[in-house]
Amino acid sequence: MKVLAIETTGKYGSASVIDNGGHVFSASSSEEMNHLRGMITLIDEAIHEAGITKDELTHVAASVGPGSFTGIRIGVTTARIMSQMLDIPCIAVSTLEAMAVRALDKAISAGALYVVPVINARRHQTYAGVYEAVFTSDCEHQSAIPVMEEKQYMIEDLLSELQTRMAEHSGAVAFFTGDGIDAYADIIKSTMTEGSYAFADEDLRYQHAEAVARIALGKAAAGETLTYNGLMPEYMRLAEAEQRLRAGTLSDRIRFPAK
């Protein structure tokens, strides 16, 4: 298998190719929100690094959200087009799960029991989940097991639920990752007790296609694939304009003349 993974849900776009042996070849953008212009170039670079051609790809995976609404649409649409063009199946990967997997090694090294990916959704809102770090004594086999639902949380509610769970395990440490740290570090520090949390460094904090690729390889092996029209975005909430429209407060909503 040779799986192409696309990541466009955060600030920086990336693409990775992974093979059966777990070898990953990646290309990343250093420009913020350059997904629309830069993703095809990143895909070409990752495929070139892997030493293959597009025709040798067996699957295409996308990080389907949550995250930037526009970014999600770009990634999912790109994956669907490539699936159609190359006649290969798609794989959907949760952005939050991929963030947890990316941080897993550092979380385990920090002695953390939980990995907490947090995406800033503004005004104290987050997209988040909580994963338990499970590993063997030799650390050769590691996995992130979901223990709190991936959903939209107010940051205060997330921390409250997390602390309740952590109270069941004396000395438990939570390892936070994601741009939610950038927005809510002060709230986390003032809420969590000293020594009960750690933050991912910036070079690990943001979304990357390598983690998407690693998850996708396992899904491909398990046959967890989709046709191109089955690959769908996971926004986790309505866009603000849609919320306002449904609430009847969108000032420029269309009004049809009475008959």
C-alpha atoms as a PDB file:
ATOM      1  CA  MET A   1       0.000   0.000   0.000  1.00  0.00           C
ATOM      2  CA  LYS A   2       0.987   3.586  -0.633  1.00  0.00           C
ATOM      3  CA  VAL A   3      -1.335   6.046   1.068  1.00  0.00           C
ATOM      4  CA  LEU A   4      -1.428   9.787   0.418  1.00  0.00           C
ATOM      5  CA  ALA A   5      -2.590  11.878   3.404  1.00  0.00           C
ATOM      6  CA  ILE A   6      -3.739  15.495   3.200  1.00  0.00           C
ATOM      7  CA  GLU A   7      -3.887  17.928   6.140  1.00  0.00           C
ATOM      8  CA  THR A   8      -5.561  21.327   5.678  1.00  0.00           C
ATOM      9  CA  THR A   9      -7.567  21.838   8.864  1.00  0.00           C
ATOM     10  CA  GLY A  10      -5.103  24.152  10.650  1.00  0.00           C
ATOM     11  CA  LYS A  11      -2.761  27.028   9.893  1.00  0.00           C
ATOM     12  CA  TYR A  12      -0.216  25.052   7.896  1.00  0.00           C
ATOM     13  CA  GLY A  13      -0.961  22.644   5.081  1.00  0.00           C
ATOM     14  CA  SER A  14       0.958  19.398   4.640  1.00  0.00           C
ATOM     15  CA  ALA A  15       0.900  16.189   2.619  1.00  0.00           C
ATOM     16  CA  SER A  16       2.473  12.823   3.376  1.00  0.00           C
ATOM     17  CA  VAL A  17       2.888   9.461   1.686  1.00  0.00           C
ATOM     18  CA  ILE A  18       3.227   6.327   3.805  1.00  0.00           C
ATOM     19  CA  ASP A  19       4.105   2.813   2.644  1.00  0.00           C
ATOM     20  CA  ASN A  20       3.517  -0.664   4.084  1.00  0.00           C
ATOM     21  CA  GLY A  21       6.636  -0.419   6.192  1.00  0.00           C
ATOM     22  CA  GLY A  22       5.456   2.768   7.889  1.00  0.00           C
ATOM     23  CA  HIS A  23       8.005   4.946   6.104  1.00  0.00           C
ATOM     24  CA  VAL A  24       6.617   8.472   5.743  1.00  0.00           C
ATOM     25  CA  PHE A  25       7.567  11.108   3.186  1.00  0.00           C
ATOM     26  CA  SER A  26       6.213  14.586   3.798  1.00  0.00           C
ATOM     27  CA  ALA A  27       6.033  18.122   2.462  1.00  0.00           C
ATOM     28  CA  SER A  28       4.845  21.055   4.572  1.00  0.00           C
ATOM     29  CA  SER A  29       4.005  24.699   4.004  1.00  0.00           C
ATOM     30  CA  SER A  30       5.445  27.466   6.161  1.00  0.00           C
ATOM     31  CA  GLU A  31       2.780  29.898   4.927  1.00  0.00           C
ATOM     32  CA  GLU A  32      -0.359  30.251   7.009  1.00  0.00           C
ATOM     33  CA  MET A  33      -3.666  29.318   5.367  1.00  0.00           C
ATOM     34  CA  ASN A  34      -2.093  28.756   1.959  1.00  0.00           C
ATOM     35  CA  HIS A  35      -4.022  25.545   1.369  1.00  0.00           C
ATOM     36  CA  LEU A  36      -5.872  26.487  -1.807  1.00  0.00           C
ATOM     37  CA  ARG A  37      -2.780  27.638  -3.687  1.00  0.00           C
ATOM     38  CA  GLY A  38      -0.231  25.329  -2.148  1.00  0.00           C
ATOM     39  CA  MET A  39      -1.762  21.904  -1.579  1.00  0.00           C
ATOM     40  CA  ILE A  40      -1.225  20.472  -5.066  1.00  0.00           C
ATOM     41  CA  THR A  41       2.438  21.466  -4.892  1.00  0.00           C
ATOM     42  CA  LEU A  42       2.784  19.824  -1.464  1.00  0.00           C
ATOM     43  CA  ILE A  43       1.176  16.637  -2.767  1.00  0.00           C
ATOM     44  CA  ASP A  44       3.549  16.535  -5.726  1.00  0.00           C
ATOM     45  CA  GLU A  45       6.542  17.092  -3.414  1.00  0.00           C
ATOM     46  CA  ALA A  46       5.496  14.306  -1.019  1.00  0.00           C
ATOM     47  CA  ILE A  47       4.960  11.866  -3.881  1.00  0.00           C
ATOM     48  CA  HIS A  48       8.344  12.816  -5.350  1.00  0.00           C
ATOM     49  CA  GLU A  49      10.031  12.313  -1.955  1.00  0.00           C
ATOM     50  CA  ALA A  50       8.467   8.855  -1.788  1.00  0.00           C
ATOM     51  CA  GLY A  51      10.022   8.032  -5.168  1.00  0.00           C
ATOM     52  CA  ILE A  52       6.729   7.037  -6.761  1.00  0.00           C
ATOM     53  CA  THR A  53       4.174   8.413  -9.199  1.00  0.00           C
ATOM     54  CA  LYS A  54       0.544   9.311  -8.562  1.00  0.00           C
ATOM     55  CA  ASP A  55      -0.520   6.151 -10.364  1.00  0.00           C
ATOM     56  CA  GLU A  56       1.164   4.045  -7.671  1.00  0.00           C
ATOM     57  CA  LEU A  57      -0.986   5.470  -4.881  1.00  0.00           C
ATOM     58  CA  THR A  58      -3.458   2.947  -3.472  1.00  0.00           C
ATOM     59  CA  HIS A  59      -5.468   5.210  -1.128  1.00  0.00           C
ATOM     60  CA  VAL A  60      -5.999   8.895  -0.418  1.00  0.00           C
ATOM     61  CA  ALA A  61      -6.761  10.104   3.111  1.00  0.00           C
ATOM     62  CA  ALA A  62      -7.940  13.448   4.382  1.00  0.00           C
ATOM     63  CA  SER A  63      -8.057  15.021   7.808  1.00  0.00           C
ATOM     64  CA  VAL A  64     -11.798  15.730   7.775  1.00  0.00           C
ATOM     65  CA  GLY A  65     -12.107  18.013  10.799  1.00  0.00           C
ATOM     66  CA  PRO A  66     -12.882  19.671  13.036  1.00  0.00           C
ATOM     67  CA  GLY A  67     -10.882  22.813  12.316  1.00  0.00           C
ATOM     68  CA  SER A  68     -10.945  25.626   9.799  1.00  0.00           C
ATOM     69  CA  PHE A  69     -14.177  25.297   7.803  1.00  0.00           C
ATOM     70  CA  THR A  70     -12.519  26.492   4.595  1.00  0.00           C
ATOM     71  CA  GLY A  71      -9.484  24.298   5.186  1.00  0.00           C
ATOM     72  CA  ILE A  72     -11.627  21.220   5.767  1.00  0.00           C
ATOM     73  CA  ARG A  73     -13.487  21.799   2.510  1.00  0.00           C
ATOM     74  CA  ILE A  74     -10.237  22.198   0.571  1.00  0.00           C
ATOM     75  CA  GLY A  75      -8.750  18.979   1.956  1.00  0.00           C
ATOM     76  CA  VAL A  76     -11.859  16.861   1.511  1.00  0.00           C
ATOM     77  CA  THR A  77     -12.501  18.182  -1.997  1.00  0.00           C
ATOM     78  CA  THR A  78      -8.879  17.571  -3.041  1.00  0.00           C
ATOM     79  CA  ALA A  79      -9.012  14.002  -1.733  1.00  0.00           C
ATOM     80  CA  ARG A  80     -12.316  13.319  -3.482  1.00  0.00           C
ATOM     81  CA  ILE A  81     -11.004  14.624  -6.796  1.00  0.00           C
ATOM     82  CA  MET A  82      -7.851  12.499  -6.547  1.00  0.00           C
ATOM     83  CA  SER A  83      -9.951   9.465  -5.622  1.00  0.00           C
ATOM     84  CA  GLN A  84     -12.043   9.937  -8.742  1.00  0.00           C
ATOM     85  CA  MET A  85      -9.083  10.634 -11.016  1.00  0.00           C
ATOM     86  CA  LEU A  86      -6.981   7.702  -9.805  1.00  0.00           C
ATOM     87  CA  ASP A  87      -9.889   5.326  -9.041  1.00  0.00           C
ATOM     88  CA  ILE A  88      -8.660   4.658  -5.506  1.00  0.00           C
ATOM     89  CA  PRO A  89     -10.582   4.593  -2.211  1.00  0.00           C
ATOM     90  CA  CYS A  90     -10.701   7.399   0.349  1.00  0.00           C
ATOM     91  CA  ILE A  91     -10.009   7.279   4.086  1.00  0.00           C
ATOM     92  CA  ALA A  92     -11.446   9.724   6.628  1.00  0.00           C
ATOM     93  CA  VAL A  93      -9.270  10.621   9.619  1.00  0.00           C
ATOM     94  CA  SER A  94     -10.357  12.675  12.611  1.00  0.00           C
ATOM     95  CA  THR A  95      -8.226  15.773  13.001  1.00  0.00           C
ATOM     96  CA  LEU A  96      -8.300  15.485  16.791  1.00  0.00           C
ATOM     97  CA  GLU A  97      -7.237  11.845  16.711  1.00  0.00           C
ATOM     98  CA  ALA A  98      -4.346  12.702  14.390  1.00  0.00           C
ATOM     99  CA  MET A  99      -3.256  15.499  16.744  1.00  0.00           C
ATOM    100  CA  ALA A 100      -3.300  13.056  19.667  1.00  0.00           C
ATOM    101  CA  VAL A 101      -1.267  10.492  17.739  1.00  0.00           C
ATOM    102  CA  ARG A 102       1.272  13.128  16.726  1.00  0.00           C
ATOM    103  CA  ALA A 103       1.785  14.124  20.366  1.00  0.00           C
ATOM    104  CA  LEU A 104       1.763  10.594  21.760  1.00  0.00           C
ATOM    105  CA  ASP A 105       5.514   9.976  21.964  1.00  0.00           C
ATOM    106  CA  LYS A 106       6.191  13.255  23.775  1.00  0.00           C
ATOM    107  CA  ALA A 107       3.197  12.723  26.054  1.00  0.00           C
ATOM    108  CA  ILE A 108       4.492   9.309  27.109  1.00  0.00           C
ATOM    109  CA  SER A 109       7.993  10.730  27.588  1.00  0.00           C
ATOM    110  CA  ALA A 110       6.469  13.390  29.866  1.00  0.00           C
ATOM    111  CA  GLY A 111       4.774  10.686  31.919  1.00  0.00           C
ATOM    112  CA  ALA A 112       1.306  11.748  30.816  1.00  0.00           C
ATOM    113  CA  LEU A 113      -1.663   9.403  31.038  1.00  0.00           C
ATOM    114  CA  TYR A 114      -3.877  11.571  28.837  1.00  0.00           C
ATOM    115  CA  VAL A 115      -3.367  13.415  25.568  1.00  0.00           C
ATOM    116  CA  VAL A 116      -5.727  16.360  25.088  1.00  0.00           C
ATOM    117  CA  PRO A 117      -5.877  17.879  21.584  1.00  0.00           C
ATOM    118  CA  VAL A 118      -7.587  21.279  21.725  1.00  0.00           C
ATOM    119  CA  ILE A 119      -8.488  23.429  18.717  1.00  0.00           C
ATOM    120  CA  ASN A 120      -9.420  27.052  19.364  1.00  0.00           C
ATOM    121  CA  ALA A 121     -12.985  27.766  18.196  1.00  0.00           C
ATOM    122  CA  ARG A 122     -12.935  31.289  19.703  1.00  0.00           C
ATOM    123  CA  ARG A 123     -14.854  32.922  22.567  1.00  0.00           C
ATOM    124  CA  HIS A 124     -13.823  30.191  25.042  1.00  0.00           C
ATOM    125  CA  GLN A 125     -15.098  27.518  22.658  1.00  0.00           C
ATOM    126  CA  THR A 126     -12.956  24.570  21.612  1.00  0.00           C
ATOM    127  CA  TYR A 127     -13.054  21.403  19.575  1.00  0.00           C
ATOM    128  CA  ALA A 128     -11.434  18.816  21.772  1.00  0.00           C
ATOM    129  CA  GLY A 129     -11.192  15.225  22.882  1.00  0.00           C
ATOM    130  CA  VAL A 130      -9.268  13.259  25.485  1.00  0.00           C
ATOM    131  CA  TYR A 131      -7.191  10.172  24.698  1.00  0.00           C
ATOM    132  CA  GLU A 132      -5.501   7.743  27.036  1.00  0.00           C
ATOM    133  CA  ALA A 133      -1.893   6.941  26.139  1.00  0.00           C
ATOM    134  CA  VAL A 134      -1.565   3.153  26.027  1.00  0.00           C
ATOM    135  CA  PHE A 135       1.806   1.527  25.424  1.00  0.00           C
ATOM    136  CA  THR A 136       3.900  -1.560  26.061  1.00  0.00           C
ATOM    137  CA  SER A 137       6.825  -1.564  28.470  1.00  0.00           C
ATOM    138  CA  ASP A 138       9.282  -1.376  25.563  1.00  0.00           C
ATOM    139  CA  CYS A 139       7.265   1.535  24.039  1.00  0.00           C
ATOM    140  CA  GLU A 140       7.292  -0.204  20.655  1.00  0.00           C
ATOM    141  CA  HIS A 141       3.511  -0.372  20.479  1.00  0.00           C
ATOM    142  CA  GLN A 142       1.607   2.766  21.385  1.00  0.00           C
ATOM    143  CA  SER A 143      -1.924   3.903  20.802  1.00  0.00           C
ATOM    144  CA  ALA A 144      -4.248   6.724  21.740  1.00  0.00           C
ATOM    145  CA  ILE A 145      -7.563   5.406  23.063  1.00  0.00           C
ATOM    146  CA  PRO A 146     -10.478   7.890  23.168  1.00  0.00           C
ATOM    147  CA  VAL A 147     -11.893   8.298  26.689  1.00  0.00           C
ATOM    148  CA  MET A 148     -13.838  11.547  26.289  1.00  0.00           C
ATOM    149  CA  GLU A 149     -16.040  12.326  23.320  1.00  0.00           C
ATOM    150  CA  GLU A 150     -14.686  14.461  20.499  1.00  0.00           C
ATOM    151  CA  LYS A 151     -17.013  17.449  20.429  1.00  0.00           C
ATOM    152  CA  GLN A 152     -17.324  21.184  20.938  1.00  0.00           C
ATOM    153  CA  TYR A 153     -16.576  22.174  24.542  1.00  0.00           C
ATOM    154  CA  MET A 154     -16.327  25.437  26.383  1.00  0.00           C
ATOM    155  CA  ILE A 155     -12.749  25.395  27.676  1.00  0.00           C
ATOM    156  CA  GLU A 156     -13.958  25.548  31.279  1.00  0.00           C
ATOM    157  CA  ASP A 157     -16.272  22.548  30.762  1.00  0.00           C
ATOM    158  CA  LEU A 158     -13.521  20.558  29.083  1.00  0.00           C
ATOM    159  CA  LEU A 159     -11.155  21.135  31.987  1.00  0.00           C
ATOM    160  CA  SER A 160     -13.831  20.322  34.555  1.00  0.00           C
ATOM    161  CA  GLU A 161     -14.659  16.985  32.918  1.00  0.00           C
ATOM    162  CA  LEU A 162     -10.984  16.210  32.457  1.00  0.00           C
ATOM    163  CA  GLN A 163     -10.214  16.881  36.123  1.00  0.00           C
ATOM    164  CA  THR A 164     -13.062  14.602  37.192  1.00  0.00           C
ATOM    165  CA  ARG A 165     -11.583  11.788  35.110  1.00  0.00           C
ATOM    166  CA  MET A 166      -8.050  12.474  36.295  1.00  0.00           C
ATOM    167  CA  ALA A 167      -9.183  12.277  39.929  1.00  0.00           C
ATOM    168  CA  GLU A 168      -9.708   8.547  39.391  1.00  0.00           C
ATOM    169  CA  HIS A 169      -5.956   8.111  38.784  1.00  0.00           C
ATOM    170  CA  SER A 170      -3.614   9.475  41.422  1.00  0.00           C
ATOM    171  CA  GLY A 171      -0.824  11.556  39.922  1.00  0.00           C
ATOM    172  CA  ALA A 172      -2.306  11.556  36.414  1.00  0.00           C
ATOM    173  CA  VAL A 173      -0.865  14.101  33.988  1.00  0.00           C
ATOM    174  CA  ALA A 174      -2.641  15.578  30.935  1.00  0.00           C
ATOM    175  CA  PHE A 175      -0.575  16.541  27.891  1.00  0.00           C
ATOM    176  CA  PHE A 176      -2.235  19.372  25.935  1.00  0.00           C
ATOM    177  CA  THR A 177      -1.612  19.957  22.249  1.00  0.00           C
ATOM    178  CA  GLY A 178      -3.161  22.154  19.556  1.00  0.00           C
ATOM    179  CA  ASP A 179      -3.665  25.867  19.027  1.00  0.00           C
ATOM    180  CA  GLY A 180      -6.056  25.866  21.961  1.00  0.00           C
ATOM    181  CA  ILE A 181      -2.885  26.218  24.035  1.00  0.00           C
ATOM    182  CA  ASP A 182      -2.142  29.500  22.283  1.00  0.00           C
ATOM    183  CA  ALA A 183      -5.579  30.861  23.169  1.00  0.00           C
ATOM    184  CA  TYR A 184      -6.291  29.319  26.556  1.00  0.00           C
ATOM    185  CA  ALA A 185      -2.946  28.596  28.244  1.00  0.00           C
ATOM    186  CA  ASP A 186      -3.710  31.026  31.081  1.00  0.00           C
ATOM    187  CA  ILE A 187      -7.079  29.380  31.764  1.00  0.00           C
ATOM    188  CA  ILE A 188      -5.512  25.924  31.748  1.00  0.00           C
ATOM    189  CA  LYS A 189      -2.742  27.043  34.113  1.00  0.00           C
ATOM    190  CA  SER A 190      -5.168  28.664  36.535  1.00  0.00           C
ATOM    191  CA  THR A 191      -7.553  25.694  36.522  1.00  0.00           C
ATOM    192  CA  MET A 192      -5.250  22.674  36.562  1.00  0.00           C
ATOM    193  CA  THR A 193      -3.140  21.893  39.613  1.00  0.00           C
ATOM    194  CA  GLU A 194       0.623  22.278  39.368  1.00  0.00           C
ATOM    195  CA  GLY A 195       2.289  19.181  37.965  1.00  0.00           C
ATOM    196  CA  SER A 196      -0.942  17.786  36.509  1.00  0.00           C
ATOM    197  CA  TYR A 197      -0.445  19.096  32.977  1.00  0.00           C
ATOM    198  CA  ALA A 198       2.146  19.749  30.287  1.00  0.00           C
ATOM    199  CA  PHE A 199       2.049  21.603  26.970  1.00  0.00           C
ATOM    200  CA  ALA A 200       3.319  20.386  23.601  1.00  0.00           C
ATOM    201  CA  ASP A 201       6.123  22.468  22.113  1.00  0.00           C
ATOM    202  CA  GLU A 202       5.216  24.570  19.079  1.00  0.00           C
ATOM    203  CA  ASP A 203       7.038  22.255  16.662  1.00  0.00           C
ATOM    204  CA  LEU A 204       4.598  19.484  17.660  1.00  0.00           C
ATOM    205  CA  ARG A 205       1.498  21.466  18.529  1.00  0.00           C
ATOM    206  CA  TYR A 206      -0.169  21.929  15.163  1.00  0.00           C
ATOM    207  CA  GLN A 207      -1.784  19.547  12.682  1.00  0.00           C
ATOM    208  CA  HIS A 208       0.446  17.568  10.315  1.00  0.00           C
ATOM    209  CA  ALA A 209      -0.236  15.016   7.585  1.00  0.00           C
ATOM    210  CA  GLU A 210       2.305  12.514   8.947  1.00  0.00           C
ATOM    211  CA  ALA A 211      -0.013  11.575  11.818  1.00  0.00           C
ATOM    212  CA  VAL A 212      -2.962  11.439   9.401  1.00  0.00           C
ATOM    213  CA  ALA A 213      -0.944   9.044   7.246  1.00  0.00           C
ATOM    214  CA  ARG A 214      -0.115   6.726  10.158  1.00  0.00           C
ATOM    215  CA  ILE A 215      -3.756   6.429  11.156  1.00  0.00           C
ATOM    216  CA  ALA A 216      -4.833   6.021   7.534  1.00  0.00           C
ATOM    217  CA  LEU A 217      -2.397   3.138   6.990  1.00  0.00           C
ATOM    218  CA  GLY A 218      -4.056   1.212   9.799  1.00  0.00           C
ATOM    219  CA  LYS A 219      -7.510   2.006   8.435  1.00  0.00           C
ATOM    220  CA  ALA A 220      -6.489   0.886   4.958  1.00  0.00           C
ATOM    221  CA  ALA A 221      -5.207  -2.420   6.315  1.00  0.00           C
ATOM    222  CA  ALA A 222      -8.497  -2.901   8.175  1.00  0.00           C
ATOM    223  CA  GLY A 223     -10.537  -2.113   5.071  1.00  0.00           C
ATOM    224  CA  GLU A 224     -12.009   1.062   6.597  1.00  0.00           C
ATOM    225  CA  THR A 225     -12.314   2.908   3.301  1.00  0.00           C
ATOM    226  CA  LEU A 226     -14.890   5.034   1.505  1.00  0.00           C
ATOM    227  CA  THR A 227     -15.825   5.867  -2.038  1.00  0.00           C
ATOM    228  CA  TYR A 228     -15.095   9.443  -3.068  1.00  0.00           C
ATOM    229  CA  ASN A 229     -18.690  10.537  -2.485  1.00  0.00           C
ATOM    230  CA  GLY A 230     -18.669   8.973   0.981  1.00  0.00           C
ATOM    231  CA  LEU A 231     -15.838  11.190   2.213  1.00  0.00           C
ATOM    232  CA  MET A 232     -17.516  13.998   4.137  1.00  0.00           C
ATOM    233  CA  PRO A 233     -16.368  16.962   6.262  1.00  0.00           C
ATOM    234  CA  GLU A 234     -16.717  16.869  10.055  1.00  0.00           C
ATOM    235  CA  TYR A 235     -17.319  20.502  10.964  1.00  0.00           C
ATOM    236  CA  MET A 236     -18.663  19.676  14.448  1.00  0.00           C
ATOM    237  CA  ARG A 237     -20.815  22.834  14.377  1.00  0.00           C
ATOM    238  CA  LEU A 238     -22.576  25.095  11.895  1.00  0.00           C
ATOM    239  CA  ALA A 239     -20.704  28.042  10.446  1.00  0.00           C
ATOM    240  CA  GLU A 240     -21.544  31.325  12.207  1.00  0.00           C
ATOM    241  CA  ALA A 241     -23.527  32.590   9.227  1.00  0.00           C
ATOM    242  CA  GLU A 242     -25.597  29.390   9.174  1.00  0.00           C
ATOM    243  CA  GLN A 243     -26.249  29.667  12.916  1.00  0.00           C
ATOM    244  CA  ARG A 244     -27.440  33.243  12.485  1.00  0.00           C
ATOM    245  CA  LEU A 245     -29.571  32.305   9.491  1.00  0.00           C
ATOM    246  CA  ARG A 246     -31.319  29.548  11.417  1.00  0.00           C
ATOM    247  CA  ALA A 247     -31.822  31.926  14.325  1.00  0.00           C
ATOM    248  CA  GLY A 248     -33.339  34.521  11.976  1.00  0.00           C
ATOM    249  CA  THR A 249     -30.714  37.153  12.798  1.00  0.00           C
ATOM    250  CA  LEU A 250     -28.741  37.249   9.561  1.00  0.00           C
ATOM    251  CA  SER A 251     -29.264  40.797   8.317  1.00  0.00           C
ATOM    252  CA  ASP A 252     -28.839  40.005   4.645  1.00  0.00           C
ATOM    253  CA  ARG A 253     -30.913  36.810   4.528  1.00  0.00           C
ATOM    254  CA  ILE A 254     -32.919  36.426   1.361  1.00  0.00           C
ATOM    255  CA  ARG A 255     -36.573  37.391   1.585  1.00  0.00           C
ATOM    256  CA  PHE A 256     -38.918  36.229  -1.128  1.00  0.00           C
ATOM    257  CA  PRO A 257     -41.731  38.561  -2.232  1.00  0.00           C
ATOM    258  CA  ALA A 258     -45.251  37.637  -1.215  1.00  0.00           C
ATOM    259  CA  LYS A 259     -47.351  36.151  -4.001  1.00  0.00           C
END
